Amino acid sequence: MSADVRQVADGTYLVHGGHTNWIILTDGDAATLVDTGYPGDRRDLLASLAAVGIAPEAVAAVLITHAHNDHLGSAEYLRAAHGTPVLLHEAEVPHARRDFLQQVSVAAVLRNAWRPGVLPWMAHVLRAGGTEQHPVTAPAPFPAGGALDLPGRPVPVHTPGHTDGHCVYHLPDAGVVVSGDALVSGHALSRTEGPQLLPDLFHHDRPRAIASLDVVAGLEGDLLLPGHGPLHRGPVRDAAELARERAV
């Protein structure tokens, strides 16, 4: 297993996969899985569940921060193989079905091939199945209003911009914010370390992505679990404000 599984709080595990993270929230022998990595991360995804004592059929739901290929990779596999519900913000449901695609195109990446790190990153994306499409046949919107009745009791918070239906997941009792791609701490194409937005080419609507940092800043917590990069300790408000400063 090449993925790195780290317990970061009670019942909370951050897994570093192939350039993308996913999170496991456990409660006894059940779990909530937040994001699923690239399609090529499936072996590591299943191994990470086993590493924390969770059988795939015991995953109560897959929560998706947003329906890009590097986060949606094995969601349909789990739904089809084990009947696992795949839940997203209502605006992201059609994106997960691939009614449309709000993701950087290969052509846009190639136009940036001169930038440091782009070609090695793109080679990894291709090996990991990042250009494949694995639509979720029956994604569903999560119920509106407060904590979800799932292991970890995550609270969805809409943070549009990276995609229209992007959500972060707040664990207020644990002081944790699972930030997806609304706020990251690193990326293969970034020369910056620490809290930041992803490079501009990845955002569907960059001004909204910047505005959503104010939403993240309003969440109480001192542990940030991003979609890309290492965990970040310290007030989430400060992390979001630093990312906003760096973005403007």
C-alpha atoms as a PDB file:
ATOM      1  CA  MET A   1       0.000   0.000   0.000  1.00  0.00           C
ATOM      2  CA  SER A   2       1.492   3.333  -1.044  1.00  0.00           C
ATOM      3  CA  ALA A   3      -1.147   5.610   0.485  1.00  0.00           C
ATOM      4  CA  ASP A   4      -0.241   7.198   3.817  1.00  0.00           C
ATOM      5  CA  VAL A   5      -2.945   6.752   6.493  1.00  0.00           C
ATOM      6  CA  ARG A   6      -2.712   9.065   9.496  1.00  0.00           C
ATOM      7  CA  GLN A   7      -5.041   9.359  12.451  1.00  0.00           C
ATOM      8  CA  VAL A   8      -5.410  13.089  13.081  1.00  0.00           C
ATOM      9  CA  ALA A   9      -8.227  13.108  15.667  1.00  0.00           C
ATOM     10  CA  ASP A  10     -10.507  10.592  17.367  1.00  0.00           C
ATOM     11  CA  GLY A  11     -12.074   8.517  14.623  1.00  0.00           C
ATOM     12  CA  THR A  12     -10.650  10.797  11.924  1.00  0.00           C
ATOM     13  CA  TYR A  13      -8.065   9.665   9.372  1.00  0.00           C
ATOM     14  CA  LEU A  14      -6.387  11.639   6.613  1.00  0.00           C
ATOM     15  CA  VAL A  15      -5.145   9.514   3.725  1.00  0.00           C
ATOM     16  CA  HIS A  16      -2.598  10.848   1.243  1.00  0.00           C
ATOM     17  CA  GLY A  17      -3.127   9.031  -2.046  1.00  0.00           C
ATOM     18  CA  GLY A  18      -1.695   9.796  -5.467  1.00  0.00           C
ATOM     19  CA  HIS A  19      -1.563  13.617  -5.294  1.00  0.00           C
ATOM     20  CA  THR A  20      -5.063  13.642  -3.748  1.00  0.00           C
ATOM     21  CA  ASN A  21      -6.325  13.080  -0.212  1.00  0.00           C
ATOM     22  CA  TRP A  22      -9.384  11.357   1.149  1.00  0.00           C
ATOM     23  CA  ILE A  23     -10.749  11.207   4.696  1.00  0.00           C
ATOM     24  CA  ILE A  24     -12.189   8.340   6.721  1.00  0.00           C
ATOM     25  CA  LEU A  25     -14.504   9.107   9.663  1.00  0.00           C
ATOM     26  CA  THR A  26     -15.134   6.071  11.843  1.00  0.00           C
ATOM     27  CA  ASP A  27     -17.725   5.171  14.451  1.00  0.00           C
ATOM     28  CA  GLY A  28     -17.243   1.626  15.682  1.00  0.00           C
ATOM     29  CA  ASP A  29     -17.108  -0.652  12.652  1.00  0.00           C
ATOM     30  CA  ALA A  30     -18.857   1.862  10.357  1.00  0.00           C
ATOM     31  CA  ALA A  31     -17.410   4.821   8.499  1.00  0.00           C
ATOM     32  CA  THR A  32     -18.050   7.830   6.313  1.00  0.00           C
ATOM     33  CA  LEU A  33     -15.665   8.239   3.398  1.00  0.00           C
ATOM     34  CA  VAL A  34     -15.039  11.772   2.147  1.00  0.00           C
ATOM     35  CA  ASP A  35     -13.792  11.674  -1.459  1.00  0.00           C
ATOM     36  CA  THR A  36     -12.213   8.652  -3.132  1.00  0.00           C
ATOM     37  CA  GLY A  37      -9.082   9.779  -5.008  1.00  0.00           C
ATOM     38  CA  TYR A  38      -8.288   9.007  -8.632  1.00  0.00           C
ATOM     39  CA  PRO A  39      -9.696   5.901 -10.344  1.00  0.00           C
ATOM     40  CA  GLY A  40      -6.195   4.445 -10.141  1.00  0.00           C
ATOM     41  CA  ASP A  41      -6.160   4.906  -6.355  1.00  0.00           C
ATOM     42  CA  ARG A  42      -8.787   2.182  -5.813  1.00  0.00           C
ATOM     43  CA  ARG A  43      -6.395  -0.448  -4.463  1.00  0.00           C
ATOM     44  CA  ASP A  44      -4.978   2.080  -2.002  1.00  0.00           C
ATOM     45  CA  LEU A  45      -8.449   3.324  -1.096  1.00  0.00           C
ATOM     46  CA  LEU A  46      -9.604  -0.174  -0.142  1.00  0.00           C
ATOM     47  CA  ALA A  47      -6.328  -0.814   1.679  1.00  0.00           C
ATOM     48  CA  SER A  48      -6.740   2.397   3.681  1.00  0.00           C
ATOM     49  CA  LEU A  49     -10.192   1.284   4.823  1.00  0.00           C
ATOM     50  CA  ALA A  50      -8.757  -2.077   5.875  1.00  0.00           C
ATOM     51  CA  ALA A  51      -5.930  -0.319   7.717  1.00  0.00           C
ATOM     52  CA  VAL A  52      -8.447   1.377  10.029  1.00  0.00           C
ATOM     53  CA  GLY A  53     -10.590  -1.738  10.426  1.00  0.00           C
ATOM     54  CA  ILE A  54     -13.405  -0.848   8.036  1.00  0.00           C
ATOM     55  CA  ALA A  55     -14.853  -3.253   5.471  1.00  0.00           C
ATOM     56  CA  PRO A  56     -15.966  -1.611   2.195  1.00  0.00           C
ATOM     57  CA  GLU A  57     -19.550  -2.719   2.786  1.00  0.00           C
ATOM     58  CA  ALA A  58     -19.476  -0.939   6.164  1.00  0.00           C
ATOM     59  CA  VAL A  59     -19.023   2.487   4.572  1.00  0.00           C
ATOM     60  CA  ALA A  60     -22.308   4.210   5.416  1.00  0.00           C
ATOM     61  CA  ALA A  61     -21.914   6.831   2.686  1.00  0.00           C
ATOM     62  CA  VAL A  62     -19.432   8.449   0.372  1.00  0.00           C
ATOM     63  CA  LEU A  63     -19.469  12.234   0.684  1.00  0.00           C
ATOM     64  CA  ILE A  64     -17.965  14.068  -2.262  1.00  0.00           C
ATOM     65  CA  THR A  65     -16.521  17.559  -1.893  1.00  0.00           C
ATOM     66  CA  HIS A  66     -16.786  18.006  -5.672  1.00  0.00           C
ATOM     67  CA  ALA A  67     -17.049  15.774  -8.699  1.00  0.00           C
ATOM     68  CA  HIS A  68     -13.623  16.122 -10.278  1.00  0.00           C
ATOM     69  CA  ASN A  69     -12.036  12.875 -11.424  1.00  0.00           C
ATOM     70  CA  ASP A  70      -9.364  12.922  -8.703  1.00  0.00           C
ATOM     71  CA  HIS A  71     -12.037  12.973  -5.974  1.00  0.00           C
ATOM     72  CA  LEU A  72     -14.817  10.950  -7.584  1.00  0.00           C
ATOM     73  CA  GLY A  73     -12.620   8.068  -8.761  1.00  0.00           C
ATOM     74  CA  SER A  74     -14.109   5.073  -6.909  1.00  0.00           C
ATOM     75  CA  ALA A  75     -17.466   6.479  -5.829  1.00  0.00           C
ATOM     76  CA  GLU A  76     -19.433   4.611  -8.508  1.00  0.00           C
ATOM     77  CA  TYR A  77     -17.474   1.425  -7.780  1.00  0.00           C
ATOM     78  CA  LEU A  78     -18.534   1.522  -4.120  1.00  0.00           C
ATOM     79  CA  ARG A  79     -22.114   2.370  -5.052  1.00  0.00           C
ATOM     80  CA  ALA A  80     -22.365  -0.456  -7.586  1.00  0.00           C
ATOM     81  CA  ALA A  81     -20.456  -3.075  -5.571  1.00  0.00           C
ATOM     82  CA  HIS A  82     -21.842  -2.368  -2.102  1.00  0.00           C
ATOM     83  CA  GLY A  83     -24.868  -0.116  -2.510  1.00  0.00           C
ATOM     84  CA  THR A  84     -23.024   2.745  -0.816  1.00  0.00           C
ATOM     85  CA  PRO A  85     -24.930   6.044  -1.115  1.00  0.00           C
ATOM     86  CA  VAL A  86     -22.942   8.784  -2.874  1.00  0.00           C
ATOM     87  CA  LEU A  87     -23.978  12.170  -1.500  1.00  0.00           C
ATOM     88  CA  LEU A  88     -23.155  15.679  -2.702  1.00  0.00           C
ATOM     89  CA  HIS A  89     -24.525  19.205  -2.713  1.00  0.00           C
ATOM     90  CA  GLU A  90     -27.585  19.396  -4.930  1.00  0.00           C
ATOM     91  CA  ALA A  91     -25.717  21.614  -7.421  1.00  0.00           C
ATOM     92  CA  GLU A  92     -22.995  18.980  -7.750  1.00  0.00           C
ATOM     93  CA  VAL A  93     -25.315  16.014  -8.352  1.00  0.00           C
ATOM     94  CA  PRO A  94     -25.589  16.548 -12.136  1.00  0.00           C
ATOM     95  CA  HIS A  95     -21.833  17.108 -12.269  1.00  0.00           C
ATOM     96  CA  ALA A  96     -21.308  13.670 -10.680  1.00  0.00           C
ATOM     97  CA  ARG A  97     -23.632  12.142 -13.290  1.00  0.00           C
ATOM     98  CA  ARG A  98     -21.530  13.914 -15.953  1.00  0.00           C
ATOM     99  CA  ASP A  99     -24.468  15.874 -17.292  1.00  0.00           C
ATOM    100  CA  PHE A 100     -21.713  18.488 -17.688  1.00  0.00           C
ATOM    101  CA  LEU A 101     -18.053  18.778 -16.725  1.00  0.00           C
ATOM    102  CA  GLN A 102     -16.523  21.687 -14.820  1.00  0.00           C
ATOM    103  CA  GLN A 103     -12.934  20.485 -14.955  1.00  0.00           C
ATOM    104  CA  VAL A 104      -9.775  21.789 -16.594  1.00  0.00           C
ATOM    105  CA  SER A 105      -9.406  20.436 -20.122  1.00  0.00           C
ATOM    106  CA  VAL A 106      -6.397  18.563 -21.452  1.00  0.00           C
ATOM    107  CA  ALA A 107      -5.943  21.403 -23.943  1.00  0.00           C
ATOM    108  CA  ALA A 108      -5.753  23.964 -21.122  1.00  0.00           C
ATOM    109  CA  VAL A 109      -3.164  21.857 -19.307  1.00  0.00           C
ATOM    110  CA  LEU A 110      -1.100  21.517 -22.480  1.00  0.00           C
ATOM    111  CA  ARG A 111      -1.129  25.293 -22.915  1.00  0.00           C
ATOM    112  CA  ASN A 112       0.572  25.422 -19.511  1.00  0.00           C
ATOM    113  CA  ALA A 113       3.056  22.623 -20.249  1.00  0.00           C
ATOM    114  CA  TRP A 114       5.956  25.091 -20.108  1.00  0.00           C
ATOM    115  CA  ARG A 115       5.349  25.698 -16.409  1.00  0.00           C
ATOM    116  CA  PRO A 116       7.567  23.830 -13.909  1.00  0.00           C
ATOM    117  CA  GLY A 117       6.083  20.522 -12.790  1.00  0.00           C
ATOM    118  CA  VAL A 118       3.243  20.390 -15.320  1.00  0.00           C
ATOM    119  CA  LEU A 119       4.547  17.532 -17.472  1.00  0.00           C
ATOM    120  CA  PRO A 120       5.436  15.182 -14.562  1.00  0.00           C
ATOM    121  CA  TRP A 121       2.081  15.967 -12.941  1.00  0.00           C
ATOM    122  CA  MET A 122       0.222  15.281 -16.177  1.00  0.00           C
ATOM    123  CA  ALA A 123       2.052  11.966 -16.584  1.00  0.00           C
ATOM    124  CA  HIS A 124       0.856  10.973 -13.116  1.00  0.00           C
ATOM    125  CA  VAL A 125      -2.695  12.043 -13.916  1.00  0.00           C
ATOM    126  CA  LEU A 126      -2.728   9.850 -17.012  1.00  0.00           C
ATOM    127  CA  ARG A 127      -1.345   6.839 -15.112  1.00  0.00           C
ATOM    128  CA  ALA A 128      -3.945   7.338 -12.372  1.00  0.00           C
ATOM    129  CA  GLY A 129      -6.865   7.430 -14.799  1.00  0.00           C
ATOM    130  CA  GLY A 130      -7.430  11.128 -14.284  1.00  0.00           C
ATOM    131  CA  THR A 131      -8.768  11.676 -17.797  1.00  0.00           C
ATOM    132  CA  GLU A 132     -11.214   8.768 -17.564  1.00  0.00           C
ATOM    133  CA  GLN A 133     -14.856   9.435 -16.783  1.00  0.00           C
ATOM    134  CA  HIS A 134     -16.511   7.389 -14.046  1.00  0.00           C
ATOM    135  CA  PRO A 135     -19.929   9.020 -13.629  1.00  0.00           C
ATOM    136  CA  VAL A 136     -22.023   8.099 -10.632  1.00  0.00           C
ATOM    137  CA  THR A 137     -25.228   6.482 -11.852  1.00  0.00           C
ATOM    138  CA  ALA A 138     -27.393   7.535  -8.933  1.00  0.00           C
ATOM    139  CA  PRO A 139     -25.805  10.335  -6.893  1.00  0.00           C
ATOM    140  CA  ALA A 140     -28.065  11.998  -4.344  1.00  0.00           C
ATOM    141  CA  PRO A 141     -28.144  15.370  -2.596  1.00  0.00           C
ATOM    142  CA  PHE A 142     -27.493  15.175   1.102  1.00  0.00           C
ATOM    143  CA  PRO A 143     -30.295  16.414   3.380  1.00  0.00           C
ATOM    144  CA  ALA A 144     -30.199  20.137   4.033  1.00  0.00           C
ATOM    145  CA  GLY A 145     -29.771  21.570   7.488  1.00  0.00           C
ATOM    146  CA  GLY A 146     -27.063  20.723   9.979  1.00  0.00           C
ATOM    147  CA  ALA A 147     -25.056  17.612  10.726  1.00  0.00           C
ATOM    148  CA  LEU A 148     -25.571  14.495   8.652  1.00  0.00           C
ATOM    149  CA  ASP A 149     -26.643  11.329  10.464  1.00  0.00           C
ATOM    150  CA  LEU A 150     -23.425   9.550   9.528  1.00  0.00           C
ATOM    151  CA  PRO A 151     -20.218   8.522  11.323  1.00  0.00           C
ATOM    152  CA  GLY A 152     -18.355  11.698  12.268  1.00  0.00           C
ATOM    153  CA  ARG A 153     -21.534  13.827  12.121  1.00  0.00           C
ATOM    154  CA  PRO A 154     -20.120  16.015   9.304  1.00  0.00           C
ATOM    155  CA  VAL A 155     -21.823  19.316   8.520  1.00  0.00           C
ATOM    156  CA  PRO A 156     -21.828  20.189   4.790  1.00  0.00           C
ATOM    157  CA  VAL A 157     -21.010  23.817   3.976  1.00  0.00           C
ATOM    158  CA  HIS A 158     -21.478  25.066   0.411  1.00  0.00           C
ATOM    159  CA  THR A 159     -18.300  26.714  -0.925  1.00  0.00           C
ATOM    160  CA  PRO A 160     -18.845  27.286  -4.660  1.00  0.00           C
ATOM    161  CA  GLY A 161     -16.199  28.444  -7.089  1.00  0.00           C
ATOM    162  CA  HIS A 162     -13.883  25.522  -7.677  1.00  0.00           C
ATOM    163  CA  THR A 163     -17.100  23.934  -8.968  1.00  0.00           C
ATOM    164  CA  ASP A 164     -20.667  25.180  -8.594  1.00  0.00           C
ATOM    165  CA  GLY A 165     -21.547  22.605  -5.933  1.00  0.00           C
ATOM    166  CA  HIS A 166     -18.279  22.334  -4.046  1.00  0.00           C
ATOM    167  CA  CYS A 167     -18.725  21.685  -0.322  1.00  0.00           C
ATOM    168  CA  VAL A 168     -16.452  21.502   2.662  1.00  0.00           C
ATOM    169  CA  TYR A 169     -17.364  19.324   5.625  1.00  0.00           C
ATOM    170  CA  HIS A 170     -17.144  20.727   9.138  1.00  0.00           C
ATOM    171  CA  LEU A 171     -16.654  18.529  12.207  1.00  0.00           C
ATOM    172  CA  PRO A 172     -17.353  21.137  14.887  1.00  0.00           C
ATOM    173  CA  ASP A 173     -16.912  18.854  17.891  1.00  0.00           C
ATOM    174  CA  ALA A 174     -13.461  17.800  16.664  1.00  0.00           C
ATOM    175  CA  GLY A 175     -12.453  21.252  15.429  1.00  0.00           C
ATOM    176  CA  VAL A 176     -11.823  19.842  11.940  1.00  0.00           C
ATOM    177  CA  VAL A 177     -12.590  21.273   8.509  1.00  0.00           C
ATOM    178  CA  VAL A 178     -12.382  18.902   5.535  1.00  0.00           C
ATOM    179  CA  SER A 179     -11.780  21.510   2.865  1.00  0.00           C
ATOM    180  CA  GLY A 180     -11.546  19.592  -0.415  1.00  0.00           C
ATOM    181  CA  ASP A 181     -10.246  21.981  -3.069  1.00  0.00           C
ATOM    182  CA  ALA A 182     -11.789  25.128  -1.581  1.00  0.00           C
ATOM    183  CA  LEU A 183      -8.595  25.568   0.471  1.00  0.00           C
ATOM    184  CA  VAL A 184      -5.486  23.426   0.064  1.00  0.00           C
ATOM    185  CA  SER A 185      -2.022  23.344   1.593  1.00  0.00           C
ATOM    186  CA  GLY A 186      -0.001  22.368  -1.477  1.00  0.00           C
ATOM    187  CA  HIS A 187      -0.124  20.992  -4.997  1.00  0.00           C
ATOM    188  CA  ALA A 188       2.335  19.544  -7.481  1.00  0.00           C
ATOM    189  CA  LEU A 189       1.955  22.651  -9.675  1.00  0.00           C
ATOM    190  CA  SER A 190       2.306  25.163  -6.858  1.00  0.00           C
ATOM    191  CA  ARG A 191       5.607  26.562  -5.620  1.00  0.00           C
ATOM    192  CA  THR A 192       3.828  27.814  -2.474  1.00  0.00           C
ATOM    193  CA  GLU A 193       3.657  25.869   0.779  1.00  0.00           C
ATOM    194  CA  GLY A 194       0.831  26.232   3.259  1.00  0.00           C
ATOM    195  CA  PRO A 195      -2.757  27.490   2.921  1.00  0.00           C
ATOM    196  CA  GLN A 196      -3.631  28.570  -0.613  1.00  0.00           C
ATOM    197  CA  LEU A 197      -6.043  28.265  -3.481  1.00  0.00           C
ATOM    198  CA  LEU A 198      -5.191  25.833  -6.237  1.00  0.00           C
ATOM    199  CA  PRO A 199      -3.588  27.317  -9.372  1.00  0.00           C
ATOM    200  CA  ASP A 200      -6.033  29.409 -11.368  1.00  0.00           C
ATOM    201  CA  LEU A 201      -6.550  26.970 -14.255  1.00  0.00           C
ATOM    202  CA  PHE A 202      -8.281  24.475 -11.952  1.00  0.00           C
ATOM    203  CA  HIS A 203     -11.155  26.738 -10.855  1.00  0.00           C
ATOM    204  CA  HIS A 204     -14.459  26.896 -12.713  1.00  0.00           C
ATOM    205  CA  ASP A 205     -15.168  30.361 -11.229  1.00  0.00           C
ATOM    206  CA  ARG A 206     -12.127  31.836  -9.490  1.00  0.00           C
ATOM    207  CA  PRO A 207     -13.852  34.954  -8.056  1.00  0.00           C
ATOM    208  CA  ARG A 208     -16.433  32.724  -6.338  1.00  0.00           C
ATOM    209  CA  ALA A 209     -13.637  30.453  -5.101  1.00  0.00           C
ATOM    210  CA  ILE A 210     -11.962  33.461  -3.509  1.00  0.00           C
ATOM    211  CA  ALA A 211     -15.269  34.607  -1.987  1.00  0.00           C
ATOM    212  CA  SER A 212     -15.840  31.130  -0.520  1.00  0.00           C
ATOM    213  CA  LEU A 213     -12.676  31.522   1.541  1.00  0.00           C
ATOM    214  CA  ASP A 214     -14.727  33.886   3.719  1.00  0.00           C
ATOM    215  CA  VAL A 215     -17.181  31.033   4.325  1.00  0.00           C
ATOM    216  CA  VAL A 216     -14.343  28.716   5.326  1.00  0.00           C
ATOM    217  CA  ALA A 217     -12.927  31.423   7.580  1.00  0.00           C
ATOM    218  CA  GLY A 218     -16.206  31.444   9.499  1.00  0.00           C
ATOM    219  CA  LEU A 219     -15.869  27.803  10.548  1.00  0.00           C
ATOM    220  CA  GLU A 220     -14.486  27.095  14.009  1.00  0.00           C
ATOM    221  CA  GLY A 221     -11.582  24.689  13.992  1.00  0.00           C
ATOM    222  CA  ASP A 222      -7.838  24.277  14.318  1.00  0.00           C
ATOM    223  CA  LEU A 223      -7.224  21.355  11.983  1.00  0.00           C
ATOM    224  CA  LEU A 224      -7.562  21.640   8.207  1.00  0.00           C
ATOM    225  CA  LEU A 225      -7.729  18.460   6.111  1.00  0.00           C
ATOM    226  CA  PRO A 226      -7.333  19.578   2.476  1.00  0.00           C
ATOM    227  CA  GLY A 227      -7.895  17.774  -0.785  1.00  0.00           C
ATOM    228  CA  HIS A 228      -4.247  18.365  -1.710  1.00  0.00           C
ATOM    229  CA  GLY A 229      -1.219  18.823   0.523  1.00  0.00           C
ATOM    230  CA  PRO A 230      -0.494  17.986   4.161  1.00  0.00           C
ATOM    231  CA  LEU A 231      -2.787  18.638   7.092  1.00  0.00           C
ATOM    232  CA  HIS A 232      -2.566  22.142   8.459  1.00  0.00           C
ATOM    233  CA  ARG A 233      -2.711  22.882  12.177  1.00  0.00           C
ATOM    234  CA  GLY A 234      -3.760  26.280  13.448  1.00  0.00           C
ATOM    235  CA  PRO A 235      -6.929  28.366  13.324  1.00  0.00           C
ATOM    236  CA  VAL A 236      -8.857  27.657  10.150  1.00  0.00           C
ATOM    237  CA  ARG A 237      -9.782  31.336  10.004  1.00  0.00           C
ATOM    238  CA  ASP A 238      -6.105  32.301   9.754  1.00  0.00           C
ATOM    239  CA  ALA A 239      -5.495  29.680   7.058  1.00  0.00           C
ATOM    240  CA  ALA A 240      -8.383  30.956   4.944  1.00  0.00           C
ATOM    241  CA  GLU A 241      -7.324  34.576   5.365  1.00  0.00           C
ATOM    242  CA  LEU A 242      -3.750  33.742   4.324  1.00  0.00           C
ATOM    243  CA  ALA A 243      -5.018  31.938   1.241  1.00  0.00           C
ATOM    244  CA  ARG A 244      -7.136  34.978   0.344  1.00  0.00           C
ATOM    245  CA  GLU A 245      -4.144  37.300   0.726  1.00  0.00           C
ATOM    246  CA  ARG A 246      -2.118  35.070  -1.560  1.00  0.00           C
ATOM    247  CA  ALA A 247      -4.915  34.929  -4.154  1.00  0.00           C
ATOM    248  CA  VAL A 248      -5.395  38.664  -4.679  1.00  0.00           C
END
